Amino acid sequence: MFSPFNFLLHKSSIKQLLPEEKRTFRLHLGYTVLDNFVAGVLTLNEFVFLRSLNGSSYQLSFLFQFSVIVFIFLILISEWLKRVKNKQKLIRLTGFLTRAPLAILLFFPRSPEVLSSTSVYHLVFLSLFLIYYLGNPIIFPTINLFLKSNYRHENFGKLYSLATVTGKVFMLITAFIYGFILDYDKYAYTWVFVLVAIAGVTSTVLLSRIHYVENELDKLVIGFWQSIKKSVTGMRRIMKENTPFRHFEMGFLFYGFAFMSTITVTTIFFEKELGLNYFSVATYKNSYNILALFMIPFFGRVLGKVDPRKFAAVTFASIMFFLLSLVLTYYYPQHILIGNFKLFYSMIPFVLFHAVFAATMSLLWSIGSAYFCKPHEAGEYQSVHLFLTATRAVFAPILGVIFYELYGFVFTFSIGAASLLIAIVIMIWSYRREGRGNF
């Protein structure tokens, strides 16, 4: 009998899996597909908030901010997670408490007059997604923990990448279909998010069914607050003593400001300046994501051969050029209509540069910090990286909207590009000054 599960394993040339590995992969694949269905819907979330709910620019900045700022509590949550004995039960409870509330959107009005007359619905919408994102610092760290306990080392990368690629394809398809539906009914999000709530809860139930037994060696002998103090001291030590990594994070400071201050304004630009419909936004986003999937293997090999600061300079340059492509589109908005899709000629370089950015940043974000340390220190270095990212999210998104409201699109995108140029200079300067580190 044909089985999609066996078909994937056969096509990927992964053979001789242990029974527990097969069981884990089925659950892992199910979780990934459902989670990427949710991700596909969230691809258009900011555009939905702006166009369907008539949300304001400042409110929109909070929607993106919530997705990142939750990681500011990463140290506290990580230490707490180490002390939770029944992690499977915690995952199920977290999934229900943070994903199920999205079904409340079913009761939102389908009237622009009602939505424009009060901010209550906008605040409820934002609150629901703050709750949703609060689950991520709990769920995400446990995924690798569960998988590493069930996959053998030689199969971990293959099975993880297979599930990830399958999930990404599902995400792209979901975004296309969702954009198409929204163009016919801009209030379709009300019932779609019921499906999202069901998928989100179900995905965490599947994840929680992966077998995991806490290792006796993992039991902690020091207190909670002592662990927090030790983690904070370790972060300060890393930033003080590891000069190349400090320079790397300085570059990320300017990159992070540029990215976070322009991402919300880009959504506003698509809606107010270019007048894009949902399907067009989904097409542009999916186009660079599809190209990125093909680029990732190539850039993965490149990252293994060059210093991460040189790699970061390329990444920062790609986002700088796609921001400049938006400036070009502002001044030269020539376009053609292809069915329901609005193709701006100057958005073609935007897609190409964004594809390079998506491919390189997915690698640099996940494993870039690990190149500056020994293998056993990778988790600590990534925690520093995530914490600093979260602190930038406190001010950057709202500053971007303030720049836009006061000075317009071109000024905001230009400030972002200038910040990225500084980040590039820091990376090149650091590499030339410190040389290739023996991390």
Protein backbone atom coordinates (compact mmCIF):
# COMPACT_ATOMS: atom_id res chain seq x y z
CA MET A 1 0.00 0.00 0.00
CA PHE A 2 1.27 3.48 -0.90
CA SER A 3 2.36 5.52 2.10
CA PRO A 4 3.55 9.16 1.87
CA PHE A 5 5.77 8.44 4.87
CA ASN A 6 7.54 5.49 3.18
CA PHE A 7 7.68 7.41 -0.11
CA LEU A 8 9.58 10.28 1.54
CA LEU A 9 12.04 7.91 3.19
CA HIS A 10 12.61 6.04 -0.07
CA LYS A 11 13.19 9.21 -2.11
CA SER A 12 15.62 10.58 0.49
CA SER A 13 17.61 7.31 0.53
CA ILE A 14 17.23 6.99 4.30
CA LYS A 15 17.17 3.30 5.11
CA GLN A 16 17.45 0.91 8.03
CA LEU A 17 15.71 3.12 10.56
CA LEU A 18 15.14 1.65 13.98
CA PRO A 19 11.47 1.15 14.97
CA GLU A 20 11.68 4.04 17.45
CA GLU A 21 13.21 6.29 14.79
CA LYS A 22 10.34 5.50 12.42
CA ARG A 23 7.76 6.22 15.09
CA THR A 24 9.50 9.48 16.03
CA PHE A 25 9.78 10.59 12.41
CA ARG A 26 6.05 10.01 11.81
CA LEU A 27 5.23 12.22 14.78
CA HIS A 28 7.93 14.75 13.87
CA LEU A 29 6.68 14.95 10.28
CA GLY A 30 3.06 15.33 11.42
CA TYR A 31 4.03 18.11 13.82
CA THR A 32 6.10 19.89 11.15
CA VAL A 33 3.37 19.77 8.48
CA LEU A 34 0.70 21.11 10.85
CA ASP A 35 3.04 23.75 12.28
CA ASN A 36 3.90 24.93 8.77
CA PHE A 37 0.21 25.13 7.90
CA VAL A 38 0.01 27.61 10.77
CA ALA A 39 3.17 29.37 9.51
CA GLY A 40 1.68 29.64 6.01
CA VAL A 41 -1.38 31.43 7.38
CA LEU A 42 0.78 33.70 9.55
CA THR A 43 2.77 34.72 6.44
CA LEU A 44 -0.07 37.11 5.61
CA ASN A 45 -0.96 38.00 9.19
CA GLU A 46 0.36 41.58 9.15
CA PHE A 47 -1.36 42.26 5.83
CA VAL A 48 -4.62 40.84 7.22
CA PHE A 49 -4.35 43.10 10.26
CA LEU A 50 -3.80 46.14 8.05
CA ARG A 51 -6.33 45.46 5.27
CA SER A 52 -9.06 43.28 6.80
CA LEU A 53 -9.10 44.69 10.33
CA ASN A 54 -8.11 48.27 9.41
CA GLY A 55 -5.41 48.27 12.09
CA SER A 56 -3.15 51.28 12.55
CA SER A 57 0.54 51.46 11.67
CA TYR A 58 1.59 51.63 15.32
CA GLN A 59 -0.58 48.65 16.26
CA LEU A 60 0.94 46.72 13.37
CA SER A 61 4.45 47.25 14.77
CA PHE A 62 3.45 45.41 17.94
CA LEU A 63 2.28 42.38 15.97
CA PHE A 64 5.80 41.75 14.68
CA GLN A 65 7.41 42.85 17.94
CA PHE A 66 5.57 40.17 19.93
CA SER A 67 7.07 37.38 17.80
CA VAL A 68 10.59 38.33 18.88
CA ILE A 69 10.35 40.08 22.23
CA VAL A 70 9.18 36.89 23.99
CA PHE A 71 12.75 35.60 23.76
CA ILE A 72 13.86 38.23 26.27
CA PHE A 73 12.63 35.74 28.88
CA LEU A 74 14.69 32.93 27.34
CA ILE A 75 17.11 32.57 30.27
CA LEU A 76 14.31 32.27 32.82
CA ILE A 77 12.33 29.85 30.67
CA SER A 78 15.36 27.70 29.84
CA GLU A 79 16.26 27.25 33.50
CA TRP A 80 12.64 26.52 34.37
CA LEU A 81 12.36 23.95 31.55
CA LYS A 82 15.37 22.08 32.91
CA ARG A 83 13.43 21.54 36.12
CA VAL A 84 10.16 20.33 34.56
CA LYS A 85 9.93 16.55 34.92
CA ASN A 86 6.97 15.82 32.63
CA LYS A 87 7.87 17.81 29.52
CA GLN A 88 5.31 16.00 27.35
CA LYS A 89 2.46 17.18 29.56
CA LEU A 90 3.90 20.71 29.57
CA ILE A 91 3.97 20.76 25.75
CA ARG A 92 0.33 19.64 25.51
CA LEU A 93 -0.77 22.23 28.07
CA THR A 94 1.25 24.99 26.38
CA GLY A 95 -0.19 24.07 22.99
CA PHE A 96 -3.74 24.25 24.28
CA LEU A 97 -3.30 27.49 26.24
CA THR A 98 -1.45 29.38 23.48
CA ARG A 99 -2.93 27.96 20.25
CA ALA A 100 -6.59 27.28 21.08
CA PRO A 101 -7.46 30.96 21.88
CA LEU A 102 -6.96 31.84 18.18
CA ALA A 103 -10.39 30.28 17.54
CA ILE A 104 -11.88 33.38 19.22
CA LEU A 105 -11.33 35.20 15.91
CA LEU A 106 -14.35 33.31 14.55
CA PHE A 107 -16.54 35.76 16.50
CA PHE A 108 -14.96 38.90 15.03
CA PRO A 109 -17.36 41.14 13.06
CA ARG A 110 -17.28 41.10 9.27
CA SER A 111 -18.02 44.81 9.00
CA PRO A 112 -15.46 47.56 8.26
CA GLU A 113 -17.66 50.10 10.06
CA VAL A 114 -17.65 48.10 13.30
CA LEU A 115 -13.92 47.38 13.11
CA SER A 116 -13.10 51.04 12.45
CA SER A 117 -15.34 52.37 15.22
CA THR A 118 -13.40 50.80 18.10
CA SER A 119 -9.91 49.55 18.94
CA VAL A 120 -11.23 46.67 21.04
CA TYR A 121 -10.96 44.12 18.24
CA HIS A 122 -7.44 45.25 17.34
CA LEU A 123 -6.32 44.91 20.96
CA VAL A 124 -7.93 41.47 21.25
CA PHE A 125 -6.23 40.39 18.01
CA LEU A 126 -2.84 41.59 19.28
CA SER A 127 -3.39 39.95 22.68
CA LEU A 128 -4.23 36.60 21.07
CA PHE A 129 -0.97 36.62 19.16
CA LEU A 130 1.06 37.72 22.16
CA ILE A 131 -0.35 34.63 23.91
CA TYR A 132 0.46 32.53 20.83
CA TYR A 133 4.09 33.69 20.67
CA LEU A 134 4.58 33.16 24.41
CA GLY A 135 4.37 29.44 23.71
CA ASN A 136 7.34 29.43 21.34
CA PRO A 137 10.16 29.77 23.94
CA ILE A 138 8.71 26.68 25.62
CA ILE A 139 7.93 24.57 22.55
CA PHE A 140 10.94 25.31 20.32
CA PRO A 141 13.74 24.21 22.72
CA THR A 142 11.99 20.91 23.44
CA ILE A 143 11.83 19.90 19.76
CA ASN A 144 15.58 19.29 19.45
CA LEU A 145 15.64 17.79 22.94
CA PHE A 146 13.03 15.17 21.99
CA LEU A 147 14.51 14.45 18.57
CA LYS A 148 18.10 14.07 19.77
CA SER A 149 16.86 11.48 22.26
CA ASN A 150 15.36 9.32 19.49
CA TYR A 151 17.37 9.87 16.29
CA ARG A 152 20.82 8.38 15.93
CA HIS A 153 23.55 10.92 15.19
CA GLU A 154 24.04 9.74 11.59
CA ASN A 155 20.31 10.12 10.85
CA PHE A 156 19.52 13.29 12.78
CA GLY A 157 20.45 15.79 10.06
CA LYS A 158 18.84 13.78 7.25
CA LEU A 159 15.53 13.22 9.03
CA TYR A 160 15.39 16.78 10.37
CA SER A 161 16.05 18.34 6.95
CA LEU A 162 13.55 16.00 5.25
CA ALA A 163 10.79 17.01 7.66
CA THR A 164 11.77 20.69 7.38
CA VAL A 165 11.70 20.77 3.57
CA THR A 166 8.37 18.92 3.50
CA GLY A 167 6.95 21.41 5.98
CA LYS A 168 8.24 24.41 4.00
CA VAL A 169 6.59 23.16 0.81
CA PHE A 170 3.33 22.79 2.73
CA MET A 171 3.76 26.32 4.12
CA LEU A 172 4.19 27.80 0.63
CA ILE A 173 1.10 26.00 -0.69
CA THR A 174 -0.92 27.17 2.31
CA ALA A 175 0.13 30.81 1.82
CA PHE A 176 -0.87 30.73 -1.87
CA ILE A 177 -4.29 29.23 -1.15
CA TYR A 178 -4.92 31.53 1.81
CA GLY A 179 -4.04 34.62 -0.25
CA PHE A 180 -6.38 33.47 -3.02
CA ILE A 181 -9.24 32.94 -0.53
CA LEU A 182 -8.70 36.34 1.12
CA ASP A 183 -9.01 38.13 -2.22
CA TYR A 184 -12.53 36.73 -2.53
CA ASP A 185 -13.42 37.24 1.14
CA LYS A 186 -11.16 39.46 3.21
CA TYR A 187 -12.89 38.26 6.38
CA ALA A 188 -12.09 34.61 5.69
CA TYR A 189 -9.43 34.85 8.40
CA THR A 190 -12.23 34.47 10.97
CA TRP A 191 -12.87 30.81 10.10
CA VAL A 192 -9.35 30.05 8.85
CA PHE A 193 -7.99 30.75 12.33
CA VAL A 194 -10.32 28.12 13.75
CA LEU A 195 -8.42 25.64 11.55
CA VAL A 196 -5.16 27.22 12.73
CA ALA A 197 -6.16 26.73 16.37
CA ILE A 198 -7.02 23.07 15.73
CA ALA A 199 -3.78 22.50 13.77
CA GLY A 200 -1.70 24.26 16.44
CA VAL A 201 -3.11 22.21 19.31
CA THR A 202 -2.92 18.95 17.32
CA SER A 203 0.70 19.61 16.33
CA THR A 204 1.77 19.98 19.95
CA VAL A 205 -0.12 16.81 20.90
CA LEU A 206 1.83 14.93 18.21
CA LEU A 207 5.09 16.47 19.46
CA SER A 208 4.29 15.44 23.03
CA ARG A 209 3.85 11.80 21.97
CA ILE A 210 7.55 11.51 21.09
CA HIS A 211 9.20 9.39 23.75
CA TYR A 212 11.52 11.23 26.10
CA VAL A 213 12.98 10.10 29.40
CA GLU A 214 14.97 12.59 31.44
CA ASN A 215 18.58 11.56 31.89
CA GLU A 216 19.71 11.23 35.48
CA LEU A 217 22.79 13.26 34.58
CA ASP A 218 20.55 16.17 33.60
CA LYS A 219 19.26 16.68 37.14
CA LEU A 220 20.45 19.98 38.55
CA VAL A 221 22.17 20.43 41.88
CA ILE A 222 22.11 24.24 42.11
CA GLY A 223 19.12 26.49 42.76
CA PHE A 224 17.01 28.28 40.17
CA TRP A 225 18.22 31.82 40.89
CA GLN A 226 21.81 30.64 41.20
CA SER A 227 21.46 29.19 37.70
CA ILE A 228 20.05 32.48 36.41
CA LYS A 229 22.95 34.40 37.95
CA LYS A 230 25.41 31.93 36.44
CA SER A 231 23.82 32.33 32.99
CA VAL A 232 23.91 36.14 33.14
CA THR A 233 27.54 36.07 34.30
CA GLY A 234 28.36 33.70 31.45
CA MET A 235 26.75 36.04 28.91
CA ARG A 236 28.76 39.00 30.20
CA ARG A 237 31.95 36.93 30.11
CA ILE A 238 31.34 35.87 26.50
CA MET A 239 30.72 39.42 25.29
CA LYS A 240 33.76 40.73 27.18
CA GLU A 241 36.32 38.06 26.31
CA ASN A 242 35.36 36.87 22.81
CA THR A 243 36.18 39.89 20.65
CA PRO A 244 35.23 38.39 17.23
CA PHE A 245 31.84 37.32 18.62
CA ARG A 246 31.33 40.77 20.15
CA HIS A 247 31.98 42.34 16.75
CA PHE A 248 29.59 39.80 15.19
CA GLU A 249 26.85 40.89 17.59
CA MET A 250 27.66 44.58 16.98
CA GLY A 251 27.01 43.96 13.29
CA PHE A 252 23.79 42.16 14.17
CA LEU A 253 22.75 45.16 16.26
CA PHE A 254 22.73 47.41 13.19
CA TYR A 255 21.26 44.67 10.98
CA GLY A 256 18.55 43.94 13.56
CA PHE A 257 17.60 47.59 13.80
CA ALA A 258 17.37 47.84 10.00
CA PHE A 259 15.31 44.66 9.61
CA MET A 260 12.94 45.24 12.53
CA SER A 261 12.39 48.92 11.74
CA THR A 262 11.49 48.25 8.10
CA ILE A 263 9.57 44.95 8.14
CA THR A 264 6.33 46.55 9.36
CA VAL A 265 6.78 49.55 7.08
CA THR A 266 7.28 47.18 4.13
CA THR A 267 3.83 45.69 4.78
CA ILE A 268 2.36 49.21 4.88
CA PHE A 269 4.20 50.01 1.63
CA PHE A 270 2.67 46.97 -0.09
CA GLU A 271 -0.84 47.98 0.96
CA LYS A 272 -0.86 51.79 0.80
CA GLU A 273 1.71 52.60 -1.90
CA LEU A 274 1.57 49.59 -4.24
CA GLY A 275 -2.05 48.61 -3.62
CA LEU A 276 -1.24 44.90 -3.68
CA ASN A 277 -3.95 42.32 -3.10
CA TYR A 278 -3.52 39.27 -0.87
CA PHE A 279 -2.58 36.94 -3.70
CA SER A 280 0.14 39.31 -4.95
CA VAL A 281 1.68 39.61 -1.47
CA ALA A 282 1.60 35.82 -1.09
CA THR A 283 3.20 35.41 -4.53
CA TYR A 284 6.06 37.81 -3.81
CA LYS A 285 6.76 36.20 -0.43
CA ASN A 286 6.52 32.66 -1.75
CA SER A 287 8.71 33.47 -4.75
CA TYR A 288 11.72 34.41 -2.64
CA ASN A 289 11.08 31.56 -0.22
CA ILE A 290 11.01 29.03 -3.08
CA LEU A 291 14.26 30.40 -4.49
CA ALA A 292 15.77 30.32 -0.99
CA LEU A 293 15.03 26.59 -0.65
CA PHE A 294 17.24 25.93 -3.68
CA MET A 295 19.96 28.30 -2.46
CA ILE A 296 20.30 26.96 1.09
CA PRO A 297 22.43 23.88 0.20
CA PHE A 298 24.89 26.07 -1.72
CA PHE A 299 25.19 28.69 1.01
CA GLY A 300 25.43 25.93 3.60
CA ARG A 301 28.63 24.74 1.92
CA VAL A 302 29.90 28.33 1.69
CA LEU A 303 29.33 28.96 5.40
CA GLY A 304 31.43 25.91 6.21
CA LYS A 305 34.39 27.37 4.30
CA VAL A 306 34.43 31.08 5.16
CA ASP A 307 34.53 33.14 8.33
CA PRO A 308 30.97 33.87 9.58
CA ARG A 309 31.69 37.59 9.58
CA LYS A 310 32.39 37.54 5.83
CA PHE A 311 29.24 35.46 5.36
CA ALA A 312 27.29 37.98 7.46
CA ALA A 313 28.53 40.83 5.24
CA VAL A 314 26.94 39.09 2.23
CA THR A 315 23.72 38.54 4.17
CA PHE A 316 23.54 42.17 5.27
CA ALA A 317 24.27 43.36 1.72
CA SER A 318 21.37 41.30 0.36
CA ILE A 319 18.83 42.95 2.66
CA MET A 320 20.36 46.37 1.98
CA PHE A 321 19.81 45.88 -1.76
CA PHE A 322 16.26 44.63 -1.39
CA LEU A 323 15.43 47.73 0.68
CA LEU A 324 16.93 49.88 -2.08
CA SER A 325 14.78 47.93 -4.56
CA LEU A 326 11.72 49.13 -2.63
CA VAL A 327 12.97 52.72 -2.94
CA LEU A 328 13.34 52.14 -6.69
CA THR A 329 9.78 50.80 -6.83
CA TYR A 330 8.54 53.94 -5.07
CA TYR A 331 9.99 56.16 -7.80
CA TYR A 332 9.38 53.81 -10.74
CA PRO A 333 6.12 51.94 -10.04
CA GLN A 334 5.68 50.57 -13.58
CA HIS A 335 3.89 47.23 -13.53
CA ILE A 336 1.72 44.78 -15.44
CA LEU A 337 -1.23 42.63 -14.39
CA ILE A 338 -0.96 38.88 -14.85
CA GLY A 339 -4.38 37.60 -13.92
CA ASN A 340 -4.80 38.51 -10.25
CA PHE A 341 -1.08 39.21 -9.78
CA LYS A 342 0.42 42.72 -9.91
CA LEU A 343 4.01 42.46 -11.16
CA PHE A 344 6.19 45.52 -10.54
CA TYR A 345 9.35 45.38 -12.65
CA SER A 346 11.55 46.81 -9.89
CA MET A 347 10.20 44.19 -7.48
CA ILE A 348 12.05 41.49 -9.44
CA PRO A 349 15.43 42.46 -7.88
CA PHE A 350 13.58 42.70 -4.54
CA VAL A 351 12.59 39.03 -4.87
CA LEU A 352 16.10 37.96 -5.94
CA PHE A 353 17.91 39.82 -3.14
CA HIS A 354 15.30 38.71 -0.61
CA ALA A 355 15.86 35.09 -1.69
CA VAL A 356 19.59 35.44 -0.96
CA PHE A 357 18.76 37.04 2.38
CA ALA A 358 16.26 34.31 3.32
CA ALA A 359 18.72 31.54 2.42
CA THR A 360 21.77 33.03 4.12
CA MET A 361 20.02 34.38 7.22
CA SER A 362 18.32 31.03 7.90
CA LEU A 363 21.81 29.58 8.27
CA LEU A 364 23.48 32.53 9.96
CA TRP A 365 20.65 32.90 12.49
CA SER A 366 20.59 29.20 13.43
CA ILE A 367 24.26 28.26 13.55
CA GLY A 368 26.29 31.43 12.96
CA SER A 369 27.06 31.97 16.65
CA ALA A 370 28.30 28.37 16.98
CA TYR A 371 31.31 29.19 14.77
CA PHE A 372 32.75 31.42 17.50
CA CYS A 373 32.94 28.78 20.20
CA LYS A 374 33.64 25.18 21.08
CA PRO A 375 30.87 22.62 20.40
CA HIS A 376 29.79 22.32 24.03
CA GLU A 377 29.39 26.13 24.26
CA ALA A 378 27.06 26.46 21.25
CA GLY A 379 23.85 26.56 23.31
CA GLU A 380 25.18 29.31 25.57
CA TYR A 381 26.33 31.44 22.63
CA GLN A 382 22.98 31.05 20.84
CA SER A 383 21.20 32.11 24.03
CA VAL A 384 23.26 35.31 24.06
CA HIS A 385 22.37 35.89 20.42
CA LEU A 386 18.62 35.38 20.99
CA PHE A 387 18.58 37.56 24.11
CA LEU A 388 20.24 40.46 22.27
CA THR A 389 17.78 40.01 19.40
CA ALA A 390 14.86 40.28 21.81
CA THR A 391 16.23 43.49 23.36
CA ARG A 392 16.37 45.10 19.90
CA ALA A 393 12.71 44.20 19.40
CA VAL A 394 11.78 46.46 22.32
CA PHE A 395 12.38 49.65 20.32
CA ALA A 396 13.18 48.98 16.64
CA PRO A 397 9.70 48.15 15.20
CA ILE A 398 8.00 51.18 16.74
CA LEU A 399 10.88 53.47 15.69
CA GLY A 400 10.44 52.32 12.10
CA VAL A 401 6.76 53.28 12.15
CA ILE A 402 7.61 56.66 13.72
CA PHE A 403 10.11 57.33 10.91
CA TYR A 404 7.47 56.38 8.33
CA GLU A 405 4.76 58.55 9.91
CA LEU A 406 7.08 61.56 10.12
CA TYR A 407 9.20 61.27 6.97
CA GLY A 408 7.70 58.64 4.67
CA PHE A 409 8.73 55.39 3.03
CA VAL A 410 11.92 56.48 1.27
CA PHE A 411 13.48 57.96 4.42
CA THR A 412 12.66 54.85 6.47
CA PHE A 413 14.07 52.42 3.90
CA SER A 414 17.14 54.63 3.42
CA ILE A 415 17.84 54.71 7.17
CA GLY A 416 17.60 50.91 7.15
CA ALA A 417 20.01 50.66 4.22
CA ALA A 418 22.48 53.02 5.94
CA SER A 419 22.32 50.93 9.12
CA LEU A 420 23.07 47.81 7.09
CA LEU A 421 26.04 49.52 5.44
CA ILE A 422 27.45 50.17 8.93
CA ALA A 423 26.88 46.49 9.79
CA ILE A 424 28.78 45.42 6.65
CA VAL A 425 31.69 47.74 7.46
CA ILE A 426 31.88 46.32 11.01
CA MET A 427 32.02 42.74 9.69
CA ILE A 428 34.77 43.51 7.16
CA TRP A 429 36.73 45.63 9.66
CA SER A 430 36.52 42.91 12.32
CA TYR A 431 37.68 40.19 9.96
CA ARG A 432 40.64 42.24 8.75
CA ARG A 433 41.58 43.27 12.28
CA GLU A 434 41.16 39.93 14.04
CA GLY A 435 41.73 37.60 11.08
CA ARG A 436 40.01 34.24 10.75
CA GLY A 437 39.54 33.04 14.30
CA ASN A 438 40.40 29.58 15.53
CA PHE A 439 37.14 29.18 17.37
